[in-house]
Amino acid sequence: MKEPTLKKVAYGAAMAIAIILVHFINARMYTMPPIFAIFLAIFFTYLGISVIKKYDKFDQKISRTKYNLLNALVVFVLFIAYYTIAQ
């Protein structure tokens, strides 16, 4: 595996934010067909990754422990937000 960078964690966070946003729209504002929700999540993820690629600040290397902890935090927040929105 290549050296972990903050950019890889930010990509995961962008995907998590896109999923949370689409789920919120789907659950609270407008019920979408599943295929449309998937395409919207892909679009929001693409936008997030495009913004992340523009900044060189995310290219810094981090330790493998910090990388794993940040990824676990992103996944934990994703689960909490997903089930909180559903209720």
PDB file of N, CA and C in Angstrom:
ATOM      1  N   MET A   1       0.835  -1.176   0.000  1.00  0.00           N
ATOM      2  CA  MET A   1       0.000   0.000   0.000  1.00  0.00           C
ATOM      3  C   MET A   1       0.880   1.240   0.000  1.00  0.00           C
ATOM      4  N   LYS A   2       0.474   2.221  -0.750  1.00  0.00           N
ATOM      5  CA  LYS A   2       1.218   3.474  -0.781  1.00  0.00           C
ATOM      6  C   LYS A   2       1.104   4.178   0.557  1.00  0.00           C
ATOM      7  N   GLU A   3       1.947   5.154   0.729  1.00  0.00           N
ATOM      8  CA  GLU A   3       1.929   5.915   1.978  1.00  0.00           C
ATOM      9  C   GLU A   3       0.588   6.619   2.135  1.00  0.00           C
ATOM     10  N   PRO A   4       0.002   6.563   3.327  1.00  0.00           N
ATOM     11  CA  PRO A   4      -1.281   7.238   3.542  1.00  0.00           C
ATOM     12  C   PRO A   4      -1.120   8.754   3.541  1.00  0.00           C
ATOM     13  N   THR A   5      -2.050   9.420   2.892  1.00  0.00           N
ATOM     14  CA  THR A   5      -2.067  10.876   2.862  1.00  0.00           C
ATOM     15  C   THR A   5      -3.427  11.367   3.342  1.00  0.00           C
ATOM     16  N   LEU A   6      -3.442  12.612   3.684  1.00  0.00           N
ATOM     17  CA  LEU A   6      -4.688  13.229   4.116  1.00  0.00           C
ATOM     18  C   LEU A   6      -5.688  13.297   2.970  1.00  0.00           C
ATOM     19  N   LYS A   7      -5.185  13.319   1.738  1.00  0.00           N
ATOM     20  CA  LYS A   7      -6.057  13.374   0.565  1.00  0.00           C
ATOM     21  C   LYS A   7      -6.930  12.123   0.467  1.00  0.00           C
ATOM     22  N   LYS A   8      -6.394  10.970   0.803  1.00  0.00           N
ATOM     23  CA  LYS A   8      -7.169   9.727   0.752  1.00  0.00           C
ATOM     24  C   LYS A   8      -8.300   9.750   1.772  1.00  0.00           C
ATOM     25  N   VAL A   9      -8.029  10.290   2.946  1.00  0.00           N
ATOM     26  CA  VAL A   9      -9.067  10.404   3.968  1.00  0.00           C
ATOM     27  C   VAL A   9     -10.126  11.413   3.514  1.00  0.00           C
ATOM     28  N   ALA A  10      -9.687  12.499   2.898  1.00  0.00           N
ATOM     29  CA  ALA A  10     -10.626  13.516   2.420  1.00  0.00           C
ATOM     30  C   ALA A  10     -11.525  12.953   1.322  1.00  0.00           C
ATOM     31  N   TYR A  11     -10.995  12.077   0.483  1.00  0.00           N
ATOM     32  CA  TYR A  11     -11.837  11.435  -0.541  1.00  0.00           C
ATOM     33  C   TYR A  11     -12.946  10.610   0.115  1.00  0.00           C
ATOM     34  N   GLY A  12     -12.607   9.883   1.141  1.00  0.00           N
ATOM     35  CA  GLY A  12     -13.615   9.108   1.866  1.00  0.00           C
ATOM     36  C   GLY A  12     -14.638  10.004   2.547  1.00  0.00           C
ATOM     37  N   ALA A  13     -14.180  11.115   3.094  1.00  0.00           N
ATOM     38  CA  ALA A  13     -15.099  12.064   3.728  1.00  0.00           C
ATOM     39  C   ALA A  13     -16.023  12.692   2.696  1.00  0.00           C
ATOM     40  N   ALA A  14     -15.509  12.981   1.506  1.00  0.00           N
ATOM     41  CA  ALA A  14     -16.350  13.540   0.438  1.00  0.00           C
ATOM     42  C   ALA A  14     -17.437  12.553   0.036  1.00  0.00           C
ATOM     43  N   MET A  15     -17.081  11.283  -0.049  1.00  0.00           N
ATOM     44  CA  MET A  15     -18.071  10.261  -0.383  1.00  0.00           C
ATOM     45  C   MET A  15     -19.108  10.146   0.727  1.00  0.00           C
ATOM     46  N   ALA A  16     -18.672  10.169   1.981  1.00  0.00           N
ATOM     47  CA  ALA A  16     -19.600  10.065   3.101  1.00  0.00           C
ATOM     48  C   ALA A  16     -20.554  11.261   3.131  1.00  0.00           C
ATOM     49  N   ILE A  17     -20.041  12.441   2.896  1.00  0.00           N
ATOM     50  CA  ILE A  17     -20.886  13.637   2.873  1.00  0.00           C
ATOM     51  C   ILE A  17     -21.900  13.552   1.746  1.00  0.00           C
ATOM     52  N   ALA A  18     -21.478  13.059   0.589  1.00  0.00           N
ATOM     53  CA  ALA A  18     -22.406  12.911  -0.538  1.00  0.00           C
ATOM     54  C   ALA A  18     -23.523  11.933  -0.203  1.00  0.00           C
ATOM     55  N   ILE A  19     -23.175  10.822   0.427  1.00  0.00           N
ATOM     56  CA  ILE A  19     -24.187   9.823   0.795  1.00  0.00           C
ATOM     57  C   ILE A  19     -25.148  10.397   1.832  1.00  0.00           C
ATOM     58  N   ILE A  20     -24.632  11.096   2.825  1.00  0.00           N
ATOM     59  CA  ILE A  20     -25.479  11.696   3.849  1.00  0.00           C
ATOM     60  C   ILE A  20     -26.407  12.738   3.237  1.00  0.00           C
ATOM     61  N   LEU A  21     -25.882  13.572   2.360  1.00  0.00           N
ATOM     62  CA  LEU A  21     -26.677  14.613   1.722  1.00  0.00           C
ATOM     63  C   LEU A  21     -27.801  14.023   0.874  1.00  0.00           C
ATOM     64  N   VAL A  22     -27.480  13.030   0.075  1.00  0.00           N
ATOM     65  CA  VAL A  22     -28.505  12.400  -0.775  1.00  0.00           C
ATOM     66  C   VAL A  22     -29.537  11.681   0.081  1.00  0.00           C
ATOM     67  N   HIS A  23     -29.103  11.024   1.142  1.00  0.00           N
ATOM     68  CA  HIS A  23     -30.050  10.343   2.020  1.00  0.00           C
ATOM     69  C   HIS A  23     -30.962  11.350   2.709  1.00  0.00           C
ATOM     70  N   PHE A  24     -30.426  12.497   3.124  1.00  0.00           N
ATOM     71  CA  PHE A  24     -31.241  13.534   3.741  1.00  0.00           C
ATOM     72  C   PHE A  24     -32.278  14.061   2.762  1.00  0.00           C
ATOM     73  N   ILE A  25     -31.862  14.342   1.545  1.00  0.00           N
ATOM     74  CA  ILE A  25     -32.808  14.816   0.528  1.00  0.00           C
ATOM     75  C   ILE A  25     -33.869  13.769   0.272  1.00  0.00           C
ATOM     76  N   ASN A  26     -33.464  12.517   0.170  1.00  0.00           N
ATOM     77  CA  ASN A  26     -34.393  11.428  -0.117  1.00  0.00           C
ATOM     78  C   ASN A  26     -35.370  11.191   1.034  1.00  0.00           C
ATOM     79  N   ALA A  27     -34.911  11.304   2.267  1.00  0.00           N
ATOM     80  CA  ALA A  27     -35.759  10.990   3.419  1.00  0.00           C
ATOM     81  C   ALA A  27     -36.624  12.170   3.860  1.00  0.00           C
ATOM     82  N   ARG A  28     -36.122  13.385   3.743  1.00  0.00           N
ATOM     83  CA  ARG A  28     -36.826  14.533   4.327  1.00  0.00           C
ATOM     84  C   ARG A  28     -37.460  15.474   3.309  1.00  0.00           C
ATOM     85  N   MET A  29     -36.932  15.560   2.088  1.00  0.00           N
ATOM     86  CA  MET A  29     -37.412  16.570   1.160  1.00  0.00           C
ATOM     87  C   MET A  29     -38.176  15.983  -0.026  1.00  0.00           C
ATOM     88  N   TYR A  30     -37.531  15.081  -0.719  1.00  0.00           N
ATOM     89  CA  TYR A  30     -38.103  14.569  -1.960  1.00  0.00           C
ATOM     90  C   TYR A  30     -37.716  13.108  -2.111  1.00  0.00           C
ATOM     91  N   THR A  31     -38.718  12.243  -2.213  1.00  0.00           N
ATOM     92  CA  THR A  31     -38.442  10.818  -2.398  1.00  0.00           C
ATOM     93  C   THR A  31     -38.055  10.586  -3.855  1.00  0.00           C
ATOM     94  N   MET A  32     -36.842  10.105  -4.035  1.00  0.00           N
ATOM     95  CA  MET A  32     -36.299   9.919  -5.385  1.00  0.00           C
ATOM     96  C   MET A  32     -36.313   8.446  -5.767  1.00  0.00           C
ATOM     97  N   PRO A  33     -36.360   8.176  -7.065  1.00  0.00           N
ATOM     98  CA  PRO A  33     -36.131   6.800  -7.507  1.00  0.00           C
ATOM     99  C   PRO A  33     -34.696   6.395  -7.163  1.00  0.00           C
ATOM    100  N   PRO A  34     -34.453   5.141  -6.821  1.00  0.00           N
ATOM    101  CA  PRO A  34     -33.110   4.716  -6.393  1.00  0.00           C
ATOM    102  C   PRO A  34     -32.004   5.020  -7.405  1.00  0.00           C
ATOM    103  N   ILE A  35     -32.259   4.853  -8.680  1.00  0.00           N
ATOM    104  CA  ILE A  35     -31.210   5.089  -9.686  1.00  0.00           C
ATOM    105  C   ILE A  35     -30.830   6.566  -9.713  1.00  0.00           C
ATOM    106  N   PHE A  36     -31.811   7.445  -9.534  1.00  0.00           N
ATOM    107  CA  PHE A  36     -31.524   8.874  -9.492  1.00  0.00           C
ATOM    108  C   PHE A  36     -30.706   9.228  -8.254  1.00  0.00           C
ATOM    109  N   ALA A  37     -31.032   8.609  -7.118  1.00  0.00           N
ATOM    110  CA  ALA A  37     -30.283   8.851  -5.883  1.00  0.00           C
ATOM    111  C   ALA A  37     -28.828   8.410  -6.037  1.00  0.00           C
ATOM    112  N   ILE A  38     -28.609   7.292  -6.698  1.00  0.00           N
ATOM    113  CA  ILE A  38     -27.235   6.807  -6.919  1.00  0.00           C
ATOM    114  C   ILE A  38     -26.456   7.783  -7.799  1.00  0.00           C
ATOM    115  N   PHE A  39     -27.085   8.239  -8.894  1.00  0.00           N
ATOM    116  CA  PHE A  39     -26.402   9.185  -9.779  1.00  0.00           C
ATOM    117  C   PHE A  39     -26.140  10.518  -9.081  1.00  0.00           C
ATOM    118  N   LEU A  40     -27.062  10.951  -8.239  1.00  0.00           N
ATOM    119  CA  LEU A  40     -26.858  12.192  -7.503  1.00  0.00           C
ATOM    120  C   LEU A  40     -25.705  12.046  -6.507  1.00  0.00           C
ATOM    121  N   ALA A  41     -25.619  10.901  -5.829  1.00  0.00           N
ATOM    122  CA  ALA A  41     -24.514  10.659  -4.902  1.00  0.00           C
ATOM    123  C   ALA A  41     -23.173  10.617  -5.642  1.00  0.00           C
ATOM    124  N   ILE A  42     -23.154  10.003  -6.809  1.00  0.00           N
ATOM    125  CA  ILE A  42     -21.927   9.974  -7.615  1.00  0.00           C
ATOM    126  C   ILE A  42     -21.531  11.385  -8.031  1.00  0.00           C
ATOM    127  N   PHE A  43     -22.512  12.198  -8.427  1.00  0.00           N
ATOM    128  CA  PHE A  43     -22.237  13.575  -8.838  1.00  0.00           C
ATOM    129  C   PHE A  43     -21.669  14.393  -7.680  1.00  0.00           C
ATOM    130  N   PHE A  44     -22.291  14.296  -6.496  1.00  0.00           N
ATOM    131  CA  PHE A  44     -21.793  15.037  -5.339  1.00  0.00           C
ATOM    132  C   PHE A  44     -20.399  14.560  -4.935  1.00  0.00           C
ATOM    133  N   THR A  45     -20.141  13.264  -5.039  1.00  0.00           N
ATOM    134  CA  THR A  45     -18.809  12.737  -4.736  1.00  0.00           C
ATOM    135  C   THR A  45     -17.783  13.288  -5.722  1.00  0.00           C
ATOM    136  N   TYR A  46     -18.140  13.332  -6.989  1.00  0.00           N
ATOM    137  CA  TYR A  46     -17.257  13.880  -8.020  1.00  0.00           C
ATOM    138  C   TYR A  46     -16.933  15.350  -7.732  1.00  0.00           C
ATOM    139  N   LEU A  47     -17.966  16.111  -7.345  1.00  0.00           N
ATOM    140  CA  LEU A  47     -17.727  17.521  -7.016  1.00  0.00           C
ATOM    141  C   LEU A  47     -16.781  17.660  -5.825  1.00  0.00           C
ATOM    142  N   GLY A  48     -16.993  16.840  -4.803  1.00  0.00           N
ATOM    143  CA  GLY A  48     -16.125  16.893  -3.629  1.00  0.00           C
ATOM    144  C   GLY A  48     -14.688  16.543  -3.952  1.00  0.00           C
ATOM    145  N   ILE A  49     -14.502  15.508  -4.753  1.00  0.00           N
ATOM    146  CA  ILE A  49     -13.150  15.106  -5.135  1.00  0.00           C
ATOM    147  C   ILE A  49     -12.487  16.172  -5.995  1.00  0.00           C
ATOM    148  N   SER A  50     -13.258  16.812  -6.861  1.00  0.00           N
ATOM    149  CA  SER A  50     -12.704  17.887  -7.692  1.00  0.00           C
ATOM    150  C   SER A  50     -12.203  19.042  -6.829  1.00  0.00           C
ATOM    151  N   VAL A  51     -12.946  19.387  -5.796  1.00  0.00           N
ATOM    152  CA  VAL A  51     -12.519  20.464  -4.906  1.00  0.00           C
ATOM    153  C   VAL A  51     -11.271  20.043  -4.126  1.00  0.00           C
ATOM    154  N   ILE A  52     -11.234  18.811  -3.667  1.00  0.00           N
ATOM    155  CA  ILE A  52     -10.090  18.323  -2.887  1.00  0.00           C
ATOM    156  C   ILE A  52      -8.810  18.311  -3.725  1.00  0.00           C
ATOM    157  N   LYS A  53      -8.925  17.958  -4.992  1.00  0.00           N
ATOM    158  CA  LYS A  53      -7.749  17.900  -5.862  1.00  0.00           C
ATOM    159  C   LYS A  53      -7.120  19.269  -6.084  1.00  0.00           C
ATOM    160  N   LYS A  54      -7.876  20.340  -5.936  1.00  0.00           N
ATOM    161  CA  LYS A  54      -7.358  21.679  -6.180  1.00  0.00           C
ATOM    162  C   LYS A  54      -6.416  22.163  -5.085  1.00  0.00           C
ATOM    163  N   TYR A  55      -6.531  21.597  -3.885  1.00  0.00           N
ATOM    164  CA  TYR A  55      -5.742  22.071  -2.752  1.00  0.00           C
ATOM    165  C   TYR A  55      -4.562  21.139  -2.484  1.00  0.00           C
ATOM    166  N   ASP A  56      -3.371  21.734  -2.422  1.00  0.00           N
ATOM    167  CA  ASP A  56      -2.160  20.963  -2.151  1.00  0.00           C
ATOM    168  C   ASP A  56      -2.008  20.623  -0.672  1.00  0.00           C
ATOM    169  N   LYS A  57      -2.801  21.255   0.174  1.00  0.00           N
ATOM    170  CA  LYS A  57      -2.718  21.009   1.609  1.00  0.00           C
ATOM    171  C   LYS A  57      -3.021  19.553   1.943  1.00  0.00           C
ATOM    172  N   PHE A  58      -3.855  18.896   1.152  1.00  0.00           N
ATOM    173  CA  PHE A  58      -4.254  17.524   1.422  1.00  0.00           C
ATOM    174  C   PHE A  58      -3.194  16.502   1.011  1.00  0.00           C
ATOM    175  N   ASP A  59      -2.111  16.928   0.389  1.00  0.00           N
ATOM    176  CA  ASP A  59      -1.066  16.007  -0.055  1.00  0.00           C
ATOM    177  C   ASP A  59      -0.103  15.594   1.058  1.00  0.00           C
ATOM    178  N   GLN A  60      -0.269  16.132   2.248  1.00  0.00           N
ATOM    179  CA  GLN A  60       0.665  15.806   3.319  1.00  0.00           C
ATOM    180  C   GLN A  60       0.497  14.363   3.790  1.00  0.00           C
ATOM    181  N   LYS A  61       1.605  13.741   4.097  1.00  0.00           N
ATOM    182  CA  LYS A  61       1.595  12.356   4.556  1.00  0.00           C
ATOM    183  C   LYS A  61       1.239  12.316   6.040  1.00  0.00           C
ATOM    184  N   ILE A  62       0.524  11.257   6.419  1.00  0.00           N
ATOM    185  CA  ILE A  62       0.153  11.063   7.810  1.00  0.00           C
ATOM    186  C   ILE A  62       0.533   9.639   8.208  1.00  0.00           C
ATOM    187  N   SER A  63       0.582   9.400   9.480  1.00  0.00           N
ATOM    188  CA  SER A  63       0.943   8.061   9.955  1.00  0.00           C
ATOM    189  C   SER A  63      -0.192   7.085   9.671  1.00  0.00           C
ATOM    190  N   ARG A  64       0.146   5.832   9.597  1.00  0.00           N
ATOM    191  CA  ARG A  64      -0.857   4.793   9.313  1.00  0.00           C
ATOM    192  C   ARG A  64      -1.903   4.711  10.427  1.00  0.00           C
ATOM    193  N   THR A  65      -1.486   4.950  11.663  1.00  0.00           N
ATOM    194  CA  THR A  65      -2.419   4.941  12.784  1.00  0.00           C
ATOM    195  C   THR A  65      -3.424   6.083  12.666  1.00  0.00           C
ATOM    196  N   LYS A  66      -2.925   7.273  12.376  1.00  0.00           N
ATOM    197  CA  LYS A  66      -3.809   8.428  12.211  1.00  0.00           C
ATOM    198  C   LYS A  66      -4.742   8.216  11.025  1.00  0.00           C
ATOM    199  N   TYR A  67      -4.233   7.633   9.958  1.00  0.00           N
ATOM    200  CA  TYR A  67      -5.024   7.327   8.768  1.00  0.00           C
ATOM    201  C   TYR A  67      -6.174   6.380   9.126  1.00  0.00           C
ATOM    202  N   ASN A  68      -5.873   5.320   9.863  1.00  0.00           N
ATOM    203  CA  ASN A  68      -6.907   4.360  10.252  1.00  0.00           C
ATOM    204  C   ASN A  68      -7.921   4.978  11.205  1.00  0.00           C
ATOM    205  N   LEU A  69      -7.464   5.796  12.144  1.00  0.00           N
ATOM    206  CA  LEU A  69      -8.375   6.446  13.076  1.00  0.00           C
ATOM    207  C   LEU A  69      -9.303   7.435  12.369  1.00  0.00           C
ATOM    208  N   LEU A  70      -8.758   8.207  11.452  1.00  0.00           N
ATOM    209  CA  LEU A  70      -9.593   9.152  10.707  1.00  0.00           C
ATOM    210  C   LEU A  70     -10.616   8.428   9.836  1.00  0.00           C
ATOM    211  N   ASN A  71     -10.209   7.333   9.210  1.00  0.00           N
ATOM    212  CA  ASN A  71     -11.156   6.556   8.397  1.00  0.00           C
ATOM    213  C   ASN A  71     -12.247   5.946   9.271  1.00  0.00           C
ATOM    214  N   ALA A  72     -11.881   5.451  10.439  1.00  0.00           N
ATOM    215  CA  ALA A  72     -12.883   4.901  11.356  1.00  0.00           C
ATOM    216  C   ALA A  72     -13.849   5.991  11.803  1.00  0.00           C
ATOM    217  N   LEU A  73     -13.347   7.195  12.044  1.00  0.00           N
ATOM    218  CA  LEU A  73     -14.200   8.309  12.432  1.00  0.00           C
ATOM    219  C   LEU A  73     -15.173   8.671  11.311  1.00  0.00           C
ATOM    220  N   VAL A  74     -14.701   8.691  10.081  1.00  0.00           N
ATOM    221  CA  VAL A  74     -15.570   8.990   8.935  1.00  0.00           C
ATOM    222  C   VAL A  74     -16.680   7.945   8.821  1.00  0.00           C
ATOM    223  N   VAL A  75     -16.332   6.679   8.962  1.00  0.00           N
ATOM    224  CA  VAL A  75     -17.336   5.613   8.866  1.00  0.00           C
ATOM    225  C   VAL A  75     -18.325   5.701  10.025  1.00  0.00           C
ATOM    226  N   PHE A  76     -17.842   5.993  11.225  1.00  0.00           N
ATOM    227  CA  PHE A  76     -18.717   6.120  12.393  1.00  0.00           C
ATOM    228  C   PHE A  76     -19.709   7.269  12.199  1.00  0.00           C
ATOM    229  N   VAL A  77     -19.228   8.411  11.745  1.00  0.00           N
ATOM    230  CA  VAL A  77     -20.110   9.555  11.498  1.00  0.00           C
ATOM    231  C   VAL A  77     -21.109   9.229  10.394  1.00  0.00           C
ATOM    232  N   LEU A  78     -20.683   8.502   9.386  1.00  0.00           N
ATOM    233  CA  LEU A  78     -21.589   8.107   8.305  1.00  0.00           C
ATOM    234  C   LEU A  78     -22.729   7.261   8.847  1.00  0.00           C
ATOM    235  N   PHE A  79     -22.422   6.262   9.663  1.00  0.00           N
ATOM    236  CA  PHE A  79     -23.465   5.403  10.224  1.00  0.00           C
ATOM    237  C   PHE A  79     -24.411   6.183  11.132  1.00  0.00           C
ATOM    238  N   ILE A  80     -23.855   7.004  12.002  1.00  0.00           N
ATOM    239  CA  ILE A  80     -24.689   7.779  12.923  1.00  0.00           C
ATOM    240  C   ILE A  80     -25.605   8.717  12.155  1.00  0.00           C
ATOM    241  N   ALA A  81     -25.062   9.443  11.196  1.00  0.00           N
ATOM    242  CA  ALA A  81     -25.868  10.383  10.427  1.00  0.00           C
ATOM    243  C   ALA A  81     -26.929   9.661   9.600  1.00  0.00           C
ATOM    244  N   TYR A  82     -26.582   8.546   9.000  1.00  0.00           N
ATOM    245  CA  TYR A  82     -27.505   7.813   8.152  1.00  0.00           C
ATOM    246  C   TYR A  82     -28.723   7.330   8.946  1.00  0.00           C
ATOM    247  N   TYR A  83     -28.492   6.770  10.118  1.00  0.00           N
ATOM    248  CA  TYR A  83     -29.598   6.274  10.919  1.00  0.00           C
ATOM    249  C   TYR A  83     -30.341   7.380  11.654  1.00  0.00           C
ATOM    250  N   THR A  84     -29.686   8.484  11.946  1.00  0.00           N
ATOM    251  CA  THR A  84     -30.371   9.626  12.553  1.00  0.00           C
ATOM    252  C   THR A  84     -31.335  10.263  11.566  1.00  0.00           C
ATOM    253  N   ILE A  85     -30.933  10.360  10.318  1.00  0.00           N
ATOM    254  CA  ILE A  85     -31.800  10.932   9.288  1.00  0.00           C
ATOM    255  C   ILE A  85     -32.997  10.022   9.041  1.00  0.00           C
ATOM    256  N   ALA A  86     -32.808   8.732   9.122  1.00  0.00           N
ATOM    257  CA  ALA A  86     -33.882   7.781   8.835  1.00  0.00           C
ATOM    258  C   ALA A  86     -34.986   7.819   9.884  1.00  0.00           C
ATOM    259  N   GLN A  87     -34.675   8.269  11.088  1.00  0.00           N
ATOM    260  CA  GLN A  87     -35.687   8.268  12.144  1.00  0.00           C
ATOM    261  C   GLN A  87     -36.538   9.501  12.141  1.00  0.00           C
TER     262      GLN A  87
END
